[in-house]
Amino acid sequence: MISDDDADPGLLEVLALARTPHGTVDNVMRVHSLRPNTMRGHVVLYRAALHDPANTLPTWLQETVSSYVSILNACPYSLANHWKNAAHLIGDPERATAIHAALRARRPQDALSGAELALMVYAEKLTLTPGRMVEADVLALRAAGLDDGQILEANQIIGYFNYVNRLLNGLGVSTAGDIVGYYAQGEAD
């Protein structure tokens, strides 16, 4: 990974795009530094999937879906960051602990119900057996009360995390040097 000090002007431009609210570039992005165009694409995809103001799924649920996909893919990097975000956004430590335990046990039904549970069922199937997806999987989400826009949001988040989990695991990226989680200690929402 190329440091800011060793970056050429083209890479510096993309690193500026990838900076977090903390002013740093996380390893998940910096790992692209040898190919800045993939970093640029990654930043745009990440923000469109997970931080788009047009998304209507609650942010805590987006982060929880992200965390479950990361659990299923055994990706400690994404799990560390996105579970920290989810727990912060849930805002209830007891509930967050129960959800986290249920997801780790692959028993989301122990802590979630309704549309929230339906999304976890969908995320698990799409992550572990994507070739077995059928129309009934989408119909189950509609029956749980999700509209087509929310289903698309969830689909894009799940797809994104399957991509990024493989990128991170495949290159051995760790959180060393990163500020873990989007919400810094004491930072206002």
N, C-alpha and C. Protein backbone atom coordinates (compact mmCIF):
# COMPACT_ATOMS: atom_id res chain seq x y z
N MET A 1 0.86 -1.19 0.00
CA MET A 1 0.00 0.00 0.00
C MET A 1 0.89 1.24 0.00
N ILE A 2 0.55 2.18 -0.83
CA ILE A 2 1.35 3.39 -0.99
C ILE A 2 0.88 4.46 0.00
N SER A 3 1.83 5.04 0.70
CA SER A 3 1.50 6.09 1.67
C SER A 3 1.22 7.40 0.94
N ASP A 4 0.59 8.32 1.63
CA ASP A 4 0.35 9.65 1.06
C ASP A 4 1.67 10.30 0.63
N ASP A 5 2.70 10.14 1.42
CA ASP A 5 4.00 10.76 1.13
C ASP A 5 4.62 10.24 -0.16
N ASP A 6 4.33 8.99 -0.51
CA ASP A 6 4.92 8.38 -1.71
C ASP A 6 3.98 8.39 -2.91
N ALA A 7 2.79 8.97 -2.75
CA ALA A 7 1.79 8.94 -3.82
C ALA A 7 2.08 10.00 -4.88
N ASP A 8 1.81 9.64 -6.13
CA ASP A 8 1.92 10.62 -7.21
C ASP A 8 0.64 11.46 -7.23
N PRO A 9 0.59 12.52 -8.03
CA PRO A 9 -0.59 13.40 -8.03
C PRO A 9 -1.91 12.69 -8.36
N GLY A 10 -1.87 11.73 -9.28
CA GLY A 10 -3.09 11.00 -9.61
C GLY A 10 -3.62 10.19 -8.44
N LEU A 11 -2.72 9.51 -7.75
CA LEU A 11 -3.13 8.73 -6.58
C LEU A 11 -3.59 9.66 -5.47
N LEU A 12 -2.91 10.77 -5.28
CA LEU A 12 -3.33 11.72 -4.23
C LEU A 12 -4.76 12.21 -4.47
N GLU A 13 -5.13 12.40 -5.72
CA GLU A 13 -6.49 12.83 -6.04
C GLU A 13 -7.52 11.78 -5.60
N VAL A 14 -7.21 10.52 -5.86
CA VAL A 14 -8.14 9.45 -5.48
C VAL A 14 -8.12 9.22 -3.97
N LEU A 15 -6.97 9.35 -3.35
CA LEU A 15 -6.90 9.24 -1.89
C LEU A 15 -7.75 10.32 -1.23
N ALA A 16 -7.77 11.52 -1.81
CA ALA A 16 -8.60 12.60 -1.27
C ALA A 16 -10.08 12.21 -1.34
N LEU A 17 -10.48 11.57 -2.42
CA LEU A 17 -11.87 11.10 -2.57
C LEU A 17 -12.20 10.04 -1.52
N ALA A 18 -11.21 9.22 -1.18
CA ALA A 18 -11.43 8.08 -0.27
C ALA A 18 -11.31 8.45 1.20
N ARG A 19 -10.95 9.67 1.53
CA ARG A 19 -10.76 10.04 2.94
C ARG A 19 -12.05 9.89 3.73
N THR A 20 -11.89 9.41 4.95
CA THR A 20 -13.01 9.23 5.86
C THR A 20 -13.34 10.56 6.53
N PRO A 21 -14.45 10.60 7.26
CA PRO A 21 -14.74 11.82 8.04
C PRO A 21 -13.64 12.14 9.05
N HIS A 22 -12.81 11.15 9.38
CA HIS A 22 -11.71 11.34 10.32
C HIS A 22 -10.47 11.92 9.64
N GLY A 23 -10.52 12.03 8.30
CA GLY A 23 -9.38 12.56 7.55
C GLY A 23 -8.35 11.52 7.17
N THR A 24 -8.65 10.25 7.40
CA THR A 24 -7.72 9.17 7.08
C THR A 24 -8.22 8.39 5.87
N VAL A 25 -7.37 7.54 5.34
CA VAL A 25 -7.77 6.61 4.28
C VAL A 25 -7.66 5.21 4.87
N ASP A 26 -8.79 4.55 5.00
CA ASP A 26 -8.79 3.21 5.59
C ASP A 26 -8.09 2.22 4.67
N ASN A 27 -7.58 1.16 5.27
CA ASN A 27 -6.87 0.13 4.52
C ASN A 27 -7.73 -0.51 3.43
N VAL A 28 -9.04 -0.58 3.64
CA VAL A 28 -9.94 -1.14 2.64
C VAL A 28 -9.84 -0.38 1.33
N MET A 29 -9.54 0.90 1.38
CA MET A 29 -9.35 1.71 0.18
C MET A 29 -7.88 1.78 -0.22
N ARG A 30 -7.02 1.95 0.75
CA ARG A 30 -5.59 2.10 0.45
C ARG A 30 -5.03 0.86 -0.23
N VAL A 31 -5.63 -0.29 0.00
CA VAL A 31 -5.14 -1.52 -0.63
C VAL A 31 -5.19 -1.41 -2.16
N HIS A 32 -6.00 -0.50 -2.68
CA HIS A 32 -6.09 -0.28 -4.12
C HIS A 32 -5.00 0.66 -4.65
N SER A 33 -4.12 1.13 -3.82
CA SER A 33 -3.24 2.24 -4.21
C SER A 33 -2.37 1.95 -5.43
N LEU A 34 -2.10 0.71 -5.74
CA LEU A 34 -1.36 0.39 -6.96
C LEU A 34 -2.22 0.52 -8.22
N ARG A 35 -3.53 0.56 -8.03
CA ARG A 35 -4.48 0.71 -9.14
C ARG A 35 -5.55 1.73 -8.72
N PRO A 36 -5.24 3.02 -8.78
CA PRO A 36 -6.16 4.06 -8.29
C PRO A 36 -7.56 4.01 -8.92
N ASN A 37 -7.68 3.52 -10.15
CA ASN A 37 -9.01 3.48 -10.76
C ASN A 37 -9.93 2.51 -10.03
N THR A 38 -9.38 1.40 -9.51
CA THR A 38 -10.26 0.51 -8.75
C THR A 38 -10.63 1.13 -7.40
N MET A 39 -9.71 1.93 -6.84
CA MET A 39 -10.05 2.64 -5.60
C MET A 39 -11.20 3.62 -5.86
N ARG A 40 -11.10 4.37 -6.94
CA ARG A 40 -12.16 5.33 -7.28
C ARG A 40 -13.51 4.61 -7.42
N GLY A 41 -13.51 3.51 -8.17
CA GLY A 41 -14.75 2.75 -8.34
C GLY A 41 -15.28 2.20 -7.04
N HIS A 42 -14.37 1.73 -6.19
CA HIS A 42 -14.76 1.18 -4.89
C HIS A 42 -15.41 2.24 -4.02
N VAL A 43 -14.80 3.42 -3.95
CA VAL A 43 -15.36 4.50 -3.13
C VAL A 43 -16.77 4.85 -3.60
N VAL A 44 -16.94 4.99 -4.90
CA VAL A 44 -18.26 5.36 -5.45
C VAL A 44 -19.28 4.28 -5.15
N LEU A 45 -18.92 3.02 -5.37
CA LEU A 45 -19.84 1.91 -5.10
C LEU A 45 -20.21 1.85 -3.61
N TYR A 46 -19.22 1.95 -2.74
CA TYR A 46 -19.47 1.90 -1.30
C TYR A 46 -20.45 2.98 -0.86
N ARG A 47 -20.20 4.20 -1.28
CA ARG A 47 -21.06 5.30 -0.85
C ARG A 47 -22.45 5.19 -1.45
N ALA A 48 -22.56 4.69 -2.67
CA ALA A 48 -23.87 4.52 -3.30
C ALA A 48 -24.67 3.41 -2.61
N ALA A 49 -24.00 2.34 -2.24
CA ALA A 49 -24.69 1.21 -1.62
C ALA A 49 -25.07 1.49 -0.17
N LEU A 50 -24.17 2.09 0.59
CA LEU A 50 -24.37 2.13 2.03
C LEU A 50 -24.60 3.52 2.61
N HIS A 51 -24.21 4.56 1.93
CA HIS A 51 -24.35 5.89 2.52
C HIS A 51 -25.11 6.85 1.62
N ASP A 52 -26.00 6.32 0.82
CA ASP A 52 -26.77 7.19 -0.07
C ASP A 52 -27.96 7.76 0.68
N PRO A 53 -28.14 9.07 0.65
CA PRO A 53 -29.26 9.68 1.38
C PRO A 53 -30.63 9.24 0.85
N ALA A 54 -30.68 8.67 -0.34
CA ALA A 54 -31.96 8.19 -0.88
C ALA A 54 -32.37 6.84 -0.28
N ASN A 55 -31.45 6.13 0.37
CA ASN A 55 -31.80 4.85 0.99
C ASN A 55 -32.87 5.07 2.05
N THR A 56 -33.83 4.16 2.09
CA THR A 56 -34.90 4.26 3.09
C THR A 56 -34.83 3.17 4.15
N LEU A 57 -33.99 2.16 3.95
CA LEU A 57 -33.80 1.20 5.05
C LEU A 57 -33.10 1.95 6.18
N PRO A 58 -33.51 1.72 7.42
CA PRO A 58 -32.84 2.39 8.53
C PRO A 58 -31.33 2.10 8.50
N THR A 59 -30.55 3.10 8.81
CA THR A 59 -29.09 2.97 8.73
C THR A 59 -28.58 1.84 9.62
N TRP A 60 -29.16 1.69 10.81
CA TRP A 60 -28.71 0.61 11.70
C TRP A 60 -28.93 -0.75 11.04
N LEU A 61 -30.03 -0.87 10.27
CA LEU A 61 -30.34 -2.14 9.61
C LEU A 61 -29.40 -2.37 8.44
N GLN A 62 -29.06 -1.31 7.70
CA GLN A 62 -28.07 -1.44 6.63
C GLN A 62 -26.75 -1.96 7.20
N GLU A 63 -26.34 -1.38 8.33
CA GLU A 63 -25.08 -1.80 8.96
C GLU A 63 -25.18 -3.22 9.53
N THR A 64 -26.36 -3.61 9.99
CA THR A 64 -26.55 -4.95 10.52
C THR A 64 -26.51 -5.98 9.40
N VAL A 65 -27.15 -5.68 8.27
CA VAL A 65 -27.06 -6.56 7.10
C VAL A 65 -25.59 -6.70 6.69
N SER A 66 -24.88 -5.58 6.64
CA SER A 66 -23.46 -5.58 6.28
C SER A 66 -22.67 -6.49 7.22
N SER A 67 -22.97 -6.40 8.49
CA SER A 67 -22.28 -7.20 9.50
C SER A 67 -22.59 -8.68 9.34
N TYR A 68 -23.84 -9.00 9.04
CA TYR A 68 -24.19 -10.41 8.90
C TYR A 68 -23.48 -11.01 7.69
N VAL A 69 -23.45 -10.31 6.59
CA VAL A 69 -22.73 -10.81 5.42
C VAL A 69 -21.26 -11.01 5.79
N SER A 70 -20.68 -10.10 6.54
CA SER A 70 -19.28 -10.21 6.95
C SER A 70 -19.05 -11.38 7.90
N ILE A 71 -20.01 -11.68 8.74
CA ILE A 71 -19.93 -12.87 9.59
C ILE A 71 -19.96 -14.12 8.72
N LEU A 72 -20.91 -14.16 7.80
CA LEU A 72 -21.05 -15.34 6.93
C LEU A 72 -19.79 -15.58 6.09
N ASN A 73 -19.11 -14.50 5.73
CA ASN A 73 -17.89 -14.61 4.92
C ASN A 73 -16.62 -14.64 5.77
N ALA A 74 -16.76 -14.66 7.09
CA ALA A 74 -15.61 -14.68 8.00
C ALA A 74 -14.63 -13.56 7.66
N CYS A 75 -15.16 -12.33 7.56
CA CYS A 75 -14.33 -11.17 7.24
C CYS A 75 -14.21 -10.29 8.48
N PRO A 76 -13.13 -10.44 9.23
CA PRO A 76 -13.00 -9.67 10.47
C PRO A 76 -12.88 -8.15 10.23
N TYR A 77 -12.31 -7.74 9.12
CA TYR A 77 -12.15 -6.31 8.84
C TYR A 77 -13.51 -5.63 8.73
N SER A 78 -14.35 -6.11 7.83
CA SER A 78 -15.66 -5.48 7.65
C SER A 78 -16.52 -5.62 8.89
N LEU A 79 -16.45 -6.78 9.54
CA LEU A 79 -17.25 -6.98 10.74
C LEU A 79 -16.86 -5.98 11.83
N ALA A 80 -15.58 -5.78 12.04
CA ALA A 80 -15.14 -4.84 13.09
C ALA A 80 -15.70 -3.45 12.84
N ASN A 81 -15.60 -2.98 11.61
CA ASN A 81 -16.07 -1.64 11.28
C ASN A 81 -17.59 -1.53 11.29
N HIS A 82 -18.25 -2.44 10.64
CA HIS A 82 -19.70 -2.27 10.44
C HIS A 82 -20.52 -2.73 11.64
N TRP A 83 -20.00 -3.67 12.42
CA TRP A 83 -20.75 -3.98 13.65
C TRP A 83 -20.61 -2.82 14.64
N LYS A 84 -19.45 -2.21 14.70
CA LYS A 84 -19.30 -1.05 15.58
C LYS A 84 -20.31 0.03 15.18
N ASN A 85 -20.47 0.25 13.88
CA ASN A 85 -21.47 1.21 13.40
C ASN A 85 -22.88 0.78 13.78
N ALA A 86 -23.20 -0.48 13.54
CA ALA A 86 -24.55 -0.97 13.84
C ALA A 86 -24.86 -0.81 15.32
N ALA A 87 -23.95 -1.24 16.17
CA ALA A 87 -24.19 -1.15 17.62
C ALA A 87 -24.40 0.30 18.04
N HIS A 88 -23.60 1.20 17.49
CA HIS A 88 -23.75 2.63 17.79
C HIS A 88 -25.13 3.12 17.37
N LEU A 89 -25.55 2.75 16.18
CA LEU A 89 -26.83 3.23 15.64
C LEU A 89 -28.03 2.57 16.31
N ILE A 90 -27.88 1.33 16.75
CA ILE A 90 -28.97 0.67 17.48
C ILE A 90 -29.23 1.45 18.76
N GLY A 91 -28.18 1.92 19.39
CA GLY A 91 -28.33 2.82 20.54
C GLY A 91 -28.78 2.17 21.83
N ASP A 92 -28.88 0.87 21.84
CA ASP A 92 -29.30 0.12 23.03
C ASP A 92 -28.32 -1.04 23.18
N PRO A 93 -27.36 -0.92 24.09
CA PRO A 93 -26.31 -1.95 24.20
C PRO A 93 -26.85 -3.36 24.43
N GLU A 94 -27.91 -3.48 25.20
CA GLU A 94 -28.47 -4.82 25.45
C GLU A 94 -29.04 -5.42 24.17
N ARG A 95 -29.79 -4.61 23.42
CA ARG A 95 -30.35 -5.10 22.16
C ARG A 95 -29.24 -5.39 21.16
N ALA A 96 -28.25 -4.53 21.09
CA ALA A 96 -27.14 -4.74 20.17
C ALA A 96 -26.40 -6.04 20.49
N THR A 97 -26.18 -6.31 21.76
CA THR A 97 -25.51 -7.54 22.17
C THR A 97 -26.33 -8.76 21.76
N ALA A 98 -27.64 -8.69 21.95
CA ALA A 98 -28.51 -9.81 21.57
C ALA A 98 -28.49 -10.04 20.06
N ILE A 99 -28.55 -8.97 19.29
CA ILE A 99 -28.52 -9.10 17.82
C ILE A 99 -27.17 -9.68 17.38
N HIS A 100 -26.10 -9.15 17.93
CA HIS A 100 -24.76 -9.63 17.56
C HIS A 100 -24.62 -11.12 17.86
N ALA A 101 -25.06 -11.55 19.03
CA ALA A 101 -24.97 -12.97 19.39
C ALA A 101 -25.81 -13.83 18.45
N ALA A 102 -27.00 -13.36 18.12
CA ALA A 102 -27.86 -14.11 17.21
C ALA A 102 -27.24 -14.24 15.82
N LEU A 103 -26.65 -13.16 15.33
CA LEU A 103 -26.00 -13.22 14.01
C LEU A 103 -24.79 -14.13 14.04
N ARG A 104 -23.98 -14.04 15.08
CA ARG A 104 -22.79 -14.91 15.18
C ARG A 104 -23.19 -16.39 15.23
N ALA A 105 -24.33 -16.67 15.85
CA ALA A 105 -24.82 -18.06 15.94
C ALA A 105 -25.56 -18.50 14.68
N ARG A 106 -25.69 -17.57 13.72
CA ARG A 106 -26.48 -17.79 12.50
C ARG A 106 -27.92 -18.15 12.85
N ARG A 107 -28.43 -17.44 13.86
CA ARG A 107 -29.81 -17.59 14.30
C ARG A 107 -30.44 -16.20 14.45
N PRO A 108 -30.53 -15.46 13.35
CA PRO A 108 -31.06 -14.10 13.46
C PRO A 108 -32.47 -14.05 14.03
N GLN A 109 -33.19 -15.15 13.90
CA GLN A 109 -34.56 -15.22 14.43
C GLN A 109 -34.58 -15.11 15.95
N ASP A 110 -33.46 -15.29 16.61
CA ASP A 110 -33.41 -15.15 18.07
C ASP A 110 -33.50 -13.69 18.51
N ALA A 111 -33.22 -12.74 17.61
CA ALA A 111 -33.21 -11.33 18.01
C ALA A 111 -33.98 -10.41 17.06
N LEU A 112 -34.35 -10.94 15.90
CA LEU A 112 -35.02 -10.10 14.90
C LEU A 112 -36.30 -10.78 14.44
N SER A 113 -37.20 -9.97 13.89
CA SER A 113 -38.45 -10.52 13.35
C SER A 113 -38.90 -9.65 12.19
N GLY A 114 -39.98 -10.05 11.54
CA GLY A 114 -40.56 -9.25 10.46
C GLY A 114 -39.59 -8.98 9.33
N ALA A 115 -39.62 -7.75 8.83
CA ALA A 115 -38.78 -7.36 7.70
C ALA A 115 -37.29 -7.49 8.03
N GLU A 116 -36.93 -7.19 9.27
CA GLU A 116 -35.52 -7.29 9.67
C GLU A 116 -35.02 -8.73 9.52
N LEU A 117 -35.81 -9.68 10.01
CA LEU A 117 -35.44 -11.09 9.90
C LEU A 117 -35.46 -11.53 8.43
N ALA A 118 -36.45 -11.10 7.69
CA ALA A 118 -36.54 -11.48 6.27
C ALA A 118 -35.28 -11.03 5.52
N LEU A 119 -34.76 -9.85 5.85
CA LEU A 119 -33.54 -9.38 5.20
C LEU A 119 -32.34 -10.26 5.55
N MET A 120 -32.27 -10.73 6.77
CA MET A 120 -31.15 -11.59 7.17
C MET A 120 -31.23 -12.95 6.47
N VAL A 121 -32.44 -13.47 6.33
CA VAL A 121 -32.64 -14.74 5.61
C VAL A 121 -32.19 -14.57 4.15
N TYR A 122 -32.61 -13.48 3.54
CA TYR A 122 -32.23 -13.16 2.16
C TYR A 122 -30.72 -12.99 2.05
N ALA A 123 -30.12 -12.25 2.98
CA ALA A 123 -28.68 -12.01 2.95
C ALA A 123 -27.90 -13.33 3.06
N GLU A 124 -28.36 -14.21 3.93
CA GLU A 124 -27.67 -15.49 4.10
C GLU A 124 -27.73 -16.32 2.83
N LYS A 125 -28.91 -16.41 2.24
CA LYS A 125 -29.04 -17.23 1.03
C LYS A 125 -28.25 -16.63 -0.12
N LEU A 126 -28.34 -15.31 -0.32
CA LEU A 126 -27.63 -14.67 -1.42
C LEU A 126 -26.11 -14.77 -1.23
N THR A 127 -25.64 -14.75 0.00
CA THR A 127 -24.21 -14.84 0.29
C THR A 127 -23.68 -16.26 0.13
N LEU A 128 -24.39 -17.23 0.67
CA LEU A 128 -23.87 -18.60 0.72
C LEU A 128 -24.26 -19.47 -0.46
N THR A 129 -25.44 -19.20 -1.04
CA THR A 129 -25.90 -20.04 -2.17
C THR A 129 -26.56 -19.17 -3.23
N PRO A 130 -25.81 -18.25 -3.83
CA PRO A 130 -26.41 -17.31 -4.77
C PRO A 130 -27.08 -17.97 -5.97
N GLY A 131 -26.60 -19.11 -6.39
CA GLY A 131 -27.18 -19.81 -7.53
C GLY A 131 -28.54 -20.43 -7.24
N ARG A 132 -28.94 -20.44 -5.98
CA ARG A 132 -30.23 -21.01 -5.60
C ARG A 132 -31.31 -19.95 -5.38
N MET A 133 -30.98 -18.69 -5.66
CA MET A 133 -31.97 -17.63 -5.49
C MET A 133 -33.10 -17.83 -6.51
N VAL A 134 -34.34 -17.59 -6.03
CA VAL A 134 -35.52 -17.73 -6.89
C VAL A 134 -36.45 -16.54 -6.62
N GLU A 135 -37.43 -16.38 -7.46
CA GLU A 135 -38.38 -15.27 -7.33
C GLU A 135 -39.03 -15.24 -5.95
N ALA A 136 -39.27 -16.41 -5.38
CA ALA A 136 -39.91 -16.48 -4.06
C ALA A 136 -39.09 -15.77 -2.99
N ASP A 137 -37.77 -15.67 -3.16
CA ASP A 137 -36.94 -14.97 -2.19
C ASP A 137 -37.27 -13.48 -2.15
N VAL A 138 -37.51 -12.90 -3.31
CA VAL A 138 -37.90 -11.49 -3.38
C VAL A 138 -39.34 -11.33 -2.90
N LEU A 139 -40.20 -12.25 -3.27
CA LEU A 139 -41.60 -12.18 -2.84
C LEU A 139 -41.71 -12.25 -1.32
N ALA A 140 -40.83 -13.01 -0.68
CA ALA A 140 -40.84 -13.10 0.79
C ALA A 140 -40.49 -11.75 1.41
N LEU A 141 -39.60 -11.01 0.78
CA LEU A 141 -39.25 -9.67 1.28
C LEU A 141 -40.43 -8.72 1.13
N ARG A 142 -41.11 -8.80 0.00
CA ARG A 142 -42.31 -7.96 -0.19
C ARG A 142 -43.37 -8.32 0.84
N ALA A 143 -43.56 -9.61 1.07
CA ALA A 143 -44.57 -10.06 2.03
C ALA A 143 -44.23 -9.59 3.44
N ALA A 144 -42.96 -9.38 3.72
CA ALA A 144 -42.53 -8.90 5.04
C ALA A 144 -42.68 -7.39 5.17
N GLY A 145 -43.10 -6.73 4.08
CA GLY A 145 -43.37 -5.30 4.15
C GLY A 145 -42.34 -4.39 3.50
N LEU A 146 -41.36 -4.97 2.84
CA LEU A 146 -40.34 -4.16 2.17
C LEU A 146 -40.81 -3.80 0.76
N ASP A 147 -40.54 -2.56 0.36
CA ASP A 147 -40.89 -2.17 -1.01
C ASP A 147 -39.72 -2.50 -1.93
N ASP A 148 -39.96 -2.40 -3.23
CA ASP A 148 -38.94 -2.80 -4.19
C ASP A 148 -37.66 -1.97 -4.08
N GLY A 149 -37.77 -0.69 -3.74
CA GLY A 149 -36.59 0.14 -3.55
C GLY A 149 -35.75 -0.36 -2.38
N GLN A 150 -36.40 -0.74 -1.29
CA GLN A 150 -35.68 -1.26 -0.12
C GLN A 150 -35.05 -2.61 -0.43
N ILE A 151 -35.74 -3.42 -1.22
CA ILE A 151 -35.18 -4.71 -1.62
C ILE A 151 -33.92 -4.48 -2.45
N LEU A 152 -33.98 -3.53 -3.36
CA LEU A 152 -32.80 -3.20 -4.17
C LEU A 152 -31.67 -2.68 -3.28
N GLU A 153 -31.98 -1.82 -2.32
CA GLU A 153 -30.95 -1.33 -1.40
C GLU A 153 -30.26 -2.50 -0.70
N ALA A 154 -31.07 -3.41 -0.15
CA ALA A 154 -30.51 -4.57 0.56
C ALA A 154 -29.67 -5.42 -0.38
N ASN A 155 -30.17 -5.66 -1.58
CA ASN A 155 -29.45 -6.45 -2.57
C ASN A 155 -28.09 -5.83 -2.87
N GLN A 156 -28.05 -4.51 -3.03
CA GLN A 156 -26.79 -3.84 -3.34
C GLN A 156 -25.82 -3.87 -2.17
N ILE A 157 -26.32 -3.73 -0.95
CA ILE A 157 -25.47 -3.81 0.24
C ILE A 157 -24.89 -5.21 0.36
N ILE A 158 -25.73 -6.21 0.18
CA ILE A 158 -25.27 -7.61 0.28
C ILE A 158 -24.24 -7.89 -0.81
N GLY A 159 -24.53 -7.48 -2.03
CA GLY A 159 -23.58 -7.69 -3.13
C GLY A 159 -22.26 -6.97 -2.88
N TYR A 160 -22.35 -5.73 -2.42
CA TYR A 160 -21.14 -4.96 -2.12
C TYR A 160 -20.29 -5.68 -1.06
N PHE A 161 -20.92 -6.12 0.03
CA PHE A 161 -20.13 -6.75 1.09
C PHE A 161 -19.59 -8.10 0.68
N ASN A 162 -20.26 -8.81 -0.20
CA ASN A 162 -19.65 -10.04 -0.72
C ASN A 162 -18.41 -9.70 -1.53
N TYR A 163 -18.46 -8.63 -2.30
CA TYR A 163 -17.27 -8.16 -3.04
C TYR A 163 -16.16 -7.76 -2.07
N VAL A 164 -16.46 -6.84 -1.17
CA VAL A 164 -15.40 -6.29 -0.33
C VAL A 164 -14.84 -7.32 0.65
N ASN A 165 -15.67 -8.23 1.15
CA ASN A 165 -15.16 -9.27 2.04
C ASN A 165 -14.12 -10.13 1.31
N ARG A 166 -14.38 -10.42 0.05
CA ARG A 166 -13.44 -11.22 -0.71
C ARG A 166 -12.16 -10.44 -1.02
N LEU A 167 -12.31 -9.15 -1.31
CA LEU A 167 -11.14 -8.30 -1.53
C LEU A 167 -10.27 -8.29 -0.28
N LEU A 168 -10.87 -8.01 0.87
CA LEU A 168 -10.12 -7.90 2.12
C LEU A 168 -9.50 -9.22 2.53
N ASN A 169 -10.28 -10.29 2.52
CA ASN A 169 -9.75 -11.60 2.91
C ASN A 169 -8.70 -12.08 1.93
N GLY A 170 -8.93 -11.84 0.63
CA GLY A 170 -8.01 -12.31 -0.40
C GLY A 170 -6.66 -11.62 -0.38
N LEU A 171 -6.61 -10.40 0.15
CA LEU A 171 -5.35 -9.66 0.22
C LEU A 171 -4.80 -9.56 1.65
N GLY A 172 -5.50 -10.16 2.61
CA GLY A 172 -5.02 -10.16 3.99
C GLY A 172 -5.02 -8.79 4.64
N VAL A 173 -6.00 -7.95 4.30
CA VAL A 173 -6.05 -6.59 4.83
C VAL A 173 -6.54 -6.62 6.27
N SER A 174 -5.86 -5.86 7.12
CA SER A 174 -6.24 -5.77 8.53
C SER A 174 -6.64 -4.33 8.86
N THR A 175 -7.17 -4.15 10.05
CA THR A 175 -7.56 -2.82 10.52
C THR A 175 -6.39 -2.07 11.14
N ALA A 176 -5.19 -2.63 11.11
CA ALA A 176 -4.02 -1.97 11.72
C ALA A 176 -3.85 -0.56 11.16
N GLY A 177 -3.90 0.41 12.05
CA GLY A 177 -3.74 1.81 11.65
C GLY A 177 -5.03 2.52 11.31
N ASP A 178 -6.12 1.79 11.15
CA ASP A 178 -7.42 2.39 10.83
C ASP A 178 -8.10 2.91 12.09
N ILE A 179 -8.99 3.86 11.92
CA ILE A 179 -9.95 4.23 12.97
C ILE A 179 -11.17 3.36 12.70
N VAL A 180 -11.45 2.42 13.60
CA VAL A 180 -12.51 1.44 13.35
C VAL A 180 -13.86 2.06 13.61
N GLY A 181 -14.74 1.95 12.60
CA GLY A 181 -16.10 2.47 12.70
C GLY A 181 -16.19 3.88 12.16
N TYR A 182 -17.30 4.17 11.55
CA TYR A 182 -17.57 5.47 10.94
C TYR A 182 -17.74 6.56 11.99
N TYR A 183 -18.29 6.19 13.14
CA TYR A 183 -18.60 7.16 14.19
C TYR A 183 -17.48 7.19 15.21
N ALA A 184 -16.70 8.24 15.19
CA ALA A 184 -15.58 8.37 16.14
C ALA A 184 -16.11 8.55 17.54
N GLN A 185 -15.31 8.19 18.51
CA GLN A 185 -15.68 8.38 19.91
C GLN A 185 -16.07 9.84 20.16
N GLY A 186 -17.27 10.03 20.69
CA GLY A 186 -17.73 11.37 21.03
C GLY A 186 -18.25 12.18 19.87
N GLU A 187 -18.18 11.62 18.65
CA GLU A 187 -18.67 12.37 17.48
C GLU A 187 -20.18 12.33 17.44
N ALA A 188 -20.79 13.44 17.13
CA ALA A 188 -22.25 13.48 17.03
C ALA A 188 -22.70 12.78 15.76
N ASP A 189 -23.90 12.23 15.80
CA ASP A 189 -24.44 11.60 14.60
C ASP A 189 -24.65 12.68 13.59
